[in-house]
């Protein structure tokens, strides 16, 4: 079964608009002194530069040079279409317009060469893929992550109290305590307990502990 050909209105409109723009560019070039095949080459040069710049913008939208040549080619096409709408006498073309038309081939050649030989850098928003059928995967999550819970500040450590200095035991008191301990040792045959020495001396607990530590009493 033969395939059915359905006309595309958008394609038909593009062909008509392109043919009209092509004819206007040819008329302007011919009026500016470019007769014969040269008059037909000018529309081809303008349209090809416009298409080349547009193809470059599809792969590198931030390329300033591509935008520059796209605007130049678009301006040349629009200028020719407006000039042939009755605003310009094609039988008496001004000298500046003849100069622009004559210098266009060099400008178009420069633009085409730069567009072809400039390196293409893919943008981050449009990553390259080897498989055209692979669906696009989002690179970043759209939802914001939940904020981390705030941690309670660590409690400050309690201040460490400096150890109290041991009281100074007078030498006479220490000798007296030693004699009492030796007498108890001789009488009972066992070392004198610390609480017994404290009761015999009648001293504060700190002083008694200092004496017993020096005498090495239990």
C-alpha atoms as a PDB file:
ATOM      1  CA  UNK A   1       0.000   0.000   0.000  1.00  0.00           C
ATOM      2  CA  UNK A   2       1.397   3.330  -1.025  1.00  0.00           C
ATOM      3  CA  UNK A   3       2.019   5.784   1.794  1.00  0.00           C
ATOM      4  CA  UNK A   4      -0.372   8.702   1.962  1.00  0.00           C
ATOM      5  CA  UNK A   5       1.340  12.073   1.616  1.00  0.00           C
ATOM      6  CA  UNK A   6      -0.225  14.702   3.832  1.00  0.00           C
ATOM      7  CA  UNK A   7       0.722  18.326   3.204  1.00  0.00           C
ATOM      8  CA  UNK A   8       2.177  20.122   6.205  1.00  0.00           C
ATOM      9  CA  UNK A   9       0.808  23.694   6.462  1.00  0.00           C
ATOM     10  CA  UNK A  10       3.864  24.835   8.381  1.00  0.00           C
ATOM     11  CA  UNK A  11       6.211  23.456   5.712  1.00  0.00           C
ATOM     12  CA  UNK A  12       4.181  25.022   2.904  1.00  0.00           C
ATOM     13  CA  UNK A  13       4.220  28.387   4.680  1.00  0.00           C
ATOM     14  CA  UNK A  14       8.003  28.129   5.191  1.00  0.00           C
ATOM     15  CA  UNK A  15       8.562  27.342   1.491  1.00  0.00           C
ATOM     16  CA  UNK A  16       6.438  30.319   0.394  1.00  0.00           C
ATOM     17  CA  UNK A  17       8.144  32.710   2.834  1.00  0.00           C
ATOM     18  CA  UNK A  18      11.576  31.467   1.783  1.00  0.00           C
ATOM     19  CA  UNK A  19      10.776  31.901  -1.909  1.00  0.00           C
ATOM     20  CA  UNK A  20       9.564  35.472  -1.366  1.00  0.00           C
ATOM     21  CA  UNK A  21      12.634  36.381   0.715  1.00  0.00           C
ATOM     22  CA  UNK A  22      14.863  34.759  -1.937  1.00  0.00           C
ATOM     23  CA  UNK A  23      13.243  36.840  -4.669  1.00  0.00           C
ATOM     24  CA  UNK A  24      13.566  40.086  -2.706  1.00  0.00           C
ATOM     25  CA  UNK A  25      17.251  39.485  -2.079  1.00  0.00           C
ATOM     26  CA  UNK A  26      17.777  38.743  -5.769  1.00  0.00           C
ATOM     27  CA  UNK A  27      15.963  41.924  -6.833  1.00  0.00           C
ATOM     28  CA  UNK A  28      18.011  44.062  -4.454  1.00  0.00           C
ATOM     29  CA  UNK A  29      21.313  42.509  -5.527  1.00  0.00           C
ATOM     30  CA  UNK A  30      20.457  42.934  -9.203  1.00  0.00           C
ATOM     31  CA  UNK A  31      19.438  46.574  -8.621  1.00  0.00           C
ATOM     32  CA  UNK A  32      22.806  47.143  -6.877  1.00  0.00           C
ATOM     33  CA  UNK A  33      24.682  46.047 -10.014  1.00  0.00           C
ATOM     34  CA  UNK A  34      25.018  42.285  -9.397  1.00  0.00           C
ATOM     35  CA  UNK A  35      23.476  40.898 -12.574  1.00  0.00           C
ATOM     36  CA  UNK A  36      23.336  37.369 -13.954  1.00  0.00           C
ATOM     37  CA  UNK A  37      24.245  34.415 -11.756  1.00  0.00           C
ATOM     38  CA  UNK A  38      25.703  36.770  -9.139  1.00  0.00           C
ATOM     39  CA  UNK A  39      22.256  38.191  -8.390  1.00  0.00           C
ATOM     40  CA  UNK A  40      20.979  34.666  -7.649  1.00  0.00           C
ATOM     41  CA  UNK A  41      24.017  33.778  -5.521  1.00  0.00           C
ATOM     42  CA  UNK A  42      23.358  36.577  -3.020  1.00  0.00           C
ATOM     43  CA  UNK A  43      20.103  35.084  -1.645  1.00  0.00           C
ATOM     44  CA  UNK A  44      21.796  31.706  -1.291  1.00  0.00           C
ATOM     45  CA  UNK A  45      24.691  33.293   0.628  1.00  0.00           C
ATOM     46  CA  UNK A  46      22.397  35.159   3.043  1.00  0.00           C
ATOM     47  CA  UNK A  47      20.111  32.200   3.718  1.00  0.00           C
ATOM     48  CA  UNK A  48      22.982  29.735   4.170  1.00  0.00           C
ATOM     49  CA  UNK A  49      24.689  32.013   6.698  1.00  0.00           C
ATOM     50  CA  UNK A  50      21.392  32.344   8.571  1.00  0.00           C
ATOM     51  CA  UNK A  51      20.907  28.567   8.654  1.00  0.00           C
ATOM     52  CA  UNK A  52      24.537  27.927   9.704  1.00  0.00           C
ATOM     53  CA  UNK A  53      24.263  30.381  12.591  1.00  0.00           C
ATOM     54  CA  UNK A  54      20.963  28.827  13.695  1.00  0.00           C
ATOM     55  CA  UNK A  55      22.406  25.305  13.645  1.00  0.00           C
ATOM     56  CA  UNK A  56      25.315  26.506  15.755  1.00  0.00           C
ATOM     57  CA  UNK A  57      22.942  28.101  18.284  1.00  0.00           C
ATOM     58  CA  UNK A  58      21.123  24.794  18.722  1.00  0.00           C
ATOM     59  CA  UNK A  59      24.293  23.169  20.079  1.00  0.00           C
ATOM     60  CA  UNK A  60      25.850  26.186  21.836  1.00  0.00           C
ATOM     61  CA  UNK A  61      23.252  28.740  22.875  1.00  0.00           C
ATOM     62  CA  UNK A  62      25.795  30.863  24.741  1.00  0.00           C
ATOM     63  CA  UNK A  63      28.094  31.251  21.732  1.00  0.00           C
ATOM     64  CA  UNK A  64      28.341  34.993  21.166  1.00  0.00           C
ATOM     65  CA  UNK A  65      29.848  34.625  17.706  1.00  0.00           C
ATOM     66  CA  UNK A  66      26.893  32.483  16.570  1.00  0.00           C
ATOM     67  CA  UNK A  67      24.458  35.106  17.855  1.00  0.00           C
ATOM     68  CA  UNK A  68      26.447  37.843  16.093  1.00  0.00           C
ATOM     69  CA  UNK A  69      26.345  36.146  12.684  1.00  0.00           C
ATOM     70  CA  UNK A  70      22.720  35.164  13.161  1.00  0.00           C
ATOM     71  CA  UNK A  71      21.770  38.823  13.735  1.00  0.00           C
ATOM     72  CA  UNK A  72      23.877  39.961  10.731  1.00  0.00           C
ATOM     73  CA  UNK A  73      22.266  37.437   8.357  1.00  0.00           C
ATOM     74  CA  UNK A  74      18.799  38.160   9.704  1.00  0.00           C
ATOM     75  CA  UNK A  75      19.377  41.906   9.308  1.00  0.00           C
ATOM     76  CA  UNK A  76      20.504  41.426   5.714  1.00  0.00           C
ATOM     77  CA  UNK A  77      17.416  39.352   4.911  1.00  0.00           C
ATOM     78  CA  UNK A  78      14.986  41.716   6.633  1.00  0.00           C
ATOM     79  CA  UNK A  79      16.690  44.758   5.134  1.00  0.00           C
ATOM     80  CA  UNK A  80      16.326  43.396   1.604  1.00  0.00           C
ATOM     81  CA  UNK A  81      12.657  42.526   2.130  1.00  0.00           C
ATOM     82  CA  UNK A  82      11.871  45.969   3.548  1.00  0.00           C
ATOM     83  CA  UNK A  83      13.902  47.809   0.896  1.00  0.00           C
ATOM     84  CA  UNK A  84      11.980  46.133  -1.954  1.00  0.00           C
ATOM     85  CA  UNK A  85       8.594  47.049  -0.422  1.00  0.00           C
ATOM     86  CA  UNK A  86       8.566  50.414  -2.176  1.00  0.00           C
ATOM     87  CA  UNK A  87      10.742  52.287   0.316  1.00  0.00           C
ATOM     88  CA  UNK A  88      13.709  52.244  -2.061  1.00  0.00           C
ATOM     89  CA  UNK A  89      13.918  53.191  -5.707  1.00  0.00           C
ATOM     90  CA  UNK A  90      15.490  50.122  -7.293  1.00  0.00           C
ATOM     91  CA  UNK A  91      16.318  52.124 -10.421  1.00  0.00           C
ATOM     92  CA  UNK A  92      18.504  54.561  -8.451  1.00  0.00           C
ATOM     93  CA  UNK A  93      20.187  52.609  -5.679  1.00  0.00           C
ATOM     94  CA  UNK A  94      22.346  54.795  -3.394  1.00  0.00           C
ATOM     95  CA  UNK A  95      26.087  54.327  -3.346  1.00  0.00           C
ATOM     96  CA  UNK A  96      26.245  53.106   0.266  1.00  0.00           C
ATOM     97  CA  UNK A  97      23.865  50.261  -0.545  1.00  0.00           C
ATOM     98  CA  UNK A  98      25.965  49.266  -3.549  1.00  0.00           C
ATOM     99  CA  UNK A  99      29.002  49.171  -1.262  1.00  0.00           C
ATOM    100  CA  UNK A 100      27.171  46.939   1.251  1.00  0.00           C
ATOM    101  CA  UNK A 101      26.015  44.548  -1.449  1.00  0.00           C
ATOM    102  CA  UNK A 102      29.467  44.382  -3.026  1.00  0.00           C
ATOM    103  CA  UNK A 103      31.142  43.728   0.336  1.00  0.00           C
ATOM    104  CA  UNK A 104      28.657  41.094   1.466  1.00  0.00           C
ATOM    105  CA  UNK A 105      30.470  38.051  -0.071  1.00  0.00           C
ATOM    106  CA  UNK A 106      33.620  38.699   1.976  1.00  0.00           C
ATOM    107  CA  UNK A 107      31.570  39.201   5.151  1.00  0.00           C
ATOM    108  CA  UNK A 108      29.523  36.046   4.553  1.00  0.00           C
ATOM    109  CA  UNK A 109      32.659  34.007   3.795  1.00  0.00           C
ATOM    110  CA  UNK A 110      34.258  35.164   7.052  1.00  0.00           C
ATOM    111  CA  UNK A 111      31.143  34.361   9.081  1.00  0.00           C
ATOM    112  CA  UNK A 112      30.692  30.925   7.544  1.00  0.00           C
ATOM    113  CA  UNK A 113      34.337  30.026   8.094  1.00  0.00           C
ATOM    114  CA  UNK A 114      34.239  31.063  11.758  1.00  0.00           C
ATOM    115  CA  UNK A 115      31.013  29.151  12.385  1.00  0.00           C
ATOM    116  CA  UNK A 116      32.363  25.961  10.819  1.00  0.00           C
ATOM    117  CA  UNK A 117      35.803  25.939  12.469  1.00  0.00           C
ATOM    118  CA  UNK A 118      34.875  27.208  15.939  1.00  0.00           C
ATOM    119  CA  UNK A 119      34.895  24.451  18.602  1.00  0.00           C
ATOM    120  CA  UNK A 120      31.518  23.343  19.851  1.00  0.00           C
ATOM    121  CA  UNK A 121      31.102  23.106  23.629  1.00  0.00           C
ATOM    122  CA  UNK A 122      27.918  21.412  24.836  1.00  0.00           C
ATOM    123  CA  UNK A 123      26.110  23.264  27.594  1.00  0.00           C
ATOM    124  CA  UNK A 124      25.465  21.730  30.996  1.00  0.00           C
ATOM    125  CA  UNK A 125      21.700  22.037  30.548  1.00  0.00           C
ATOM    126  CA  UNK A 126      21.813  19.851  27.400  1.00  0.00           C
ATOM    127  CA  UNK A 127      24.058  16.805  28.114  1.00  0.00           C
ATOM    128  CA  UNK A 128      25.040  14.667  25.157  1.00  0.00           C
ATOM    129  CA  UNK A 129      23.824  11.066  24.967  1.00  0.00           C
ATOM    130  CA  UNK A 130      24.757   8.236  22.607  1.00  0.00           C
ATOM    131  CA  UNK A 131      21.288   6.666  22.617  1.00  0.00           C
ATOM    132  CA  UNK A 132      18.612   9.043  21.291  1.00  0.00           C
ATOM    133  CA  UNK A 133      15.892   6.779  22.684  1.00  0.00           C
ATOM    134  CA  UNK A 134      17.162   7.075  26.247  1.00  0.00           C
ATOM    135  CA  UNK A 135      14.794   9.255  28.297  1.00  0.00           C
ATOM    136  CA  UNK A 136      16.162  12.337  29.891  1.00  0.00           C
ATOM    137  CA  UNK A 137      17.085  11.939  33.529  1.00  0.00           C
ATOM    138  CA  UNK A 138      16.934  14.876  35.896  1.00  0.00           C
ATOM    139  CA  UNK A 139      20.401  15.812  37.047  1.00  0.00           C
ATOM    140  CA  UNK A 140      19.279  17.492  40.234  1.00  0.00           C
ATOM    141  CA  UNK A 141      16.466  16.904  42.691  1.00  0.00           C
ATOM    142  CA  UNK A 142      13.746  19.498  42.546  1.00  0.00           C
ATOM    143  CA  UNK A 143      12.666  19.061  46.145  1.00  0.00           C
ATOM    144  CA  UNK A 144      14.830  20.684  48.756  1.00  0.00           C
ATOM    145  CA  UNK A 145      16.323  18.343  51.371  1.00  0.00           C
ATOM    146  CA  UNK A 146      14.933  18.583  54.869  1.00  0.00           C
ATOM    147  CA  UNK A 147      17.041  20.802  57.110  1.00  0.00           C
ATOM    148  CA  UNK A 148      19.231  18.993  59.569  1.00  0.00           C
ATOM    149  CA  UNK A 149      17.921  19.058  63.171  1.00  0.00           C
ATOM    150  CA  UNK A 150      19.634  21.509  65.412  1.00  0.00           C
ATOM    151  CA  UNK A 151      21.783  19.861  68.049  1.00  0.00           C
ATOM    152  CA  UNK A 152      21.555  20.976  71.642  1.00  0.00           C
ATOM    153  CA  UNK A 153      24.708  22.674  72.872  1.00  0.00           C
ATOM    154  CA  UNK A 154      26.972  20.439  74.918  1.00  0.00           C
ATOM    155  CA  UNK A 155      26.808  21.140  78.676  1.00  0.00           C
ATOM    156  CA  UNK A 156      29.737  23.011  80.061  1.00  0.00           C
ATOM    157  CA  UNK A 157      31.993  20.873  82.273  1.00  0.00           C
ATOM    158  CA  UNK A 158      31.698  21.512  85.983  1.00  0.00           C
ATOM    159  CA  UNK A 159      34.579  23.484  87.370  1.00  0.00           C
ATOM    160  CA  UNK A 160      37.138  21.321  89.125  1.00  0.00           C
ATOM    161  CA  UNK A 161      37.792  22.436  92.656  1.00  0.00           C
ATOM    162  CA  UNK A 162      41.472  22.620  93.473  1.00  0.00           C
ATOM    163  CA  UNK A 163      42.606  20.096  96.015  1.00  0.00           C
ATOM    164  CA  UNK A 164      43.049  21.511  99.492  1.00  0.00           C
ATOM    165  CA  UNK A 165      46.625  21.817 100.556  1.00  0.00           C
ATOM    166  CA  UNK A 166      47.672  19.366 103.278  1.00  0.00           C
ATOM    167  CA  UNK A 167      48.131  21.080 106.652  1.00  0.00           C
ATOM    168  CA  UNK A 168      51.677  21.509 107.882  1.00  0.00           C
ATOM    169  CA  UNK A 169      52.402  19.288 110.905  1.00  0.00           C
ATOM    170  CA  UNK A 170      54.814  20.785 113.422  1.00  0.00           C
ATOM    171  CA  UNK A 171      57.857  18.666 114.155  1.00  0.00           C
ATOM    172  CA  UNK A 172      57.118  18.521 117.904  1.00  0.00           C
ATOM    173  CA  UNK A 173      53.569  17.292 117.301  1.00  0.00           C
ATOM    174  CA  UNK A 174      54.827  14.711 114.844  1.00  0.00           C
ATOM    175  CA  UNK A 175      57.408  13.432 117.444  1.00  0.00           C
ATOM    176  CA  UNK A 176      54.719  13.238 120.112  1.00  0.00           C
ATOM    177  CA  UNK A 177      52.433  11.247 117.797  1.00  0.00           C
ATOM    178  CA  UNK A 178      55.310   8.926 116.901  1.00  0.00           C
ATOM    179  CA  UNK A 179      56.019   8.245 120.619  1.00  0.00           C
ATOM    180  CA  UNK A 180      52.348   7.437 121.236  1.00  0.00           C
ATOM    181  CA  UNK A 181      52.321   5.072 118.256  1.00  0.00           C
ATOM    182  CA  UNK A 182      55.536   3.346 119.408  1.00  0.00           C
ATOM    183  CA  UNK A 183      54.203   2.954 122.955  1.00  0.00           C
ATOM    184  CA  UNK A 184      51.003   1.412 121.645  1.00  0.00           C
ATOM    185  CA  UNK A 185      53.064  -0.902 119.431  1.00  0.00           C
ATOM    186  CA  UNK A 186      55.182  -2.016 122.394  1.00  0.00           C
ATOM    187  CA  UNK A 187      52.177  -2.568 124.642  1.00  0.00           C
ATOM    188  CA  UNK A 188      49.842  -4.318 122.276  1.00  0.00           C
ATOM    189  CA  UNK A 189      52.197  -5.722 119.636  1.00  0.00           C
ATOM    190  CA  UNK A 190      50.142  -4.176 116.797  1.00  0.00           C
ATOM    191  CA  UNK A 191      50.232  -0.793 115.057  1.00  0.00           C
ATOM    192  CA  UNK A 192      48.140   1.968 116.581  1.00  0.00           C
ATOM    193  CA  UNK A 193      44.896   2.591 114.630  1.00  0.00           C
ATOM    194  CA  UNK A 194      44.414   6.030 113.135  1.00  0.00           C
ATOM    195  CA  UNK A 195      41.138   6.659 114.971  1.00  0.00           C
ATOM    196  CA  UNK A 196      42.797   5.808 118.305  1.00  0.00           C
ATOM    197  CA  UNK A 197      45.603   8.284 117.588  1.00  0.00           C
ATOM    198  CA  UNK A 198      43.040  10.924 116.613  1.00  0.00           C
ATOM    199  CA  UNK A 199      41.197  10.399 119.926  1.00  0.00           C
ATOM    200  CA  UNK A 200      44.430  10.582 121.940  1.00  0.00           C
ATOM    201  CA  UNK A 201      45.612  13.776 120.251  1.00  0.00           C
ATOM    202  CA  UNK A 202      42.242  15.521 120.043  1.00  0.00           C
ATOM    203  CA  UNK A 203      43.128  17.197 116.754  1.00  0.00           C
ATOM    204  CA  UNK A 204      40.966  18.063 113.671  1.00  0.00           C
ATOM    205  CA  UNK A 205      40.466  15.335 111.066  1.00  0.00           C
ATOM    206  CA  UNK A 206      42.690  17.074 108.456  1.00  0.00           C
ATOM    207  CA  UNK A 207      45.620  17.323 110.887  1.00  0.00           C
ATOM    208  CA  UNK A 208      45.161  13.714 112.036  1.00  0.00           C
ATOM    209  CA  UNK A 209      45.145  12.444 108.421  1.00  0.00           C
ATOM    210  CA  UNK A 210      48.354  14.359 107.715  1.00  0.00           C
ATOM    211  CA  UNK A 211      50.034  12.821 110.814  1.00  0.00           C
ATOM    212  CA  UNK A 212      48.877   9.273 110.047  1.00  0.00           C
ATOM    213  CA  UNK A 213      50.030   9.556 106.437  1.00  0.00           C
ATOM    214  CA  UNK A 214      53.492  10.568 107.570  1.00  0.00           C
ATOM    215  CA  UNK A 215      53.606   7.870 110.262  1.00  0.00           C
ATOM    216  CA  UNK A 216      52.066   5.324 107.824  1.00  0.00           C
ATOM    217  CA  UNK A 217      49.420   4.195 110.319  1.00  0.00           C
ATOM    218  CA  UNK A 218      46.420   2.093 109.256  1.00  0.00           C
END
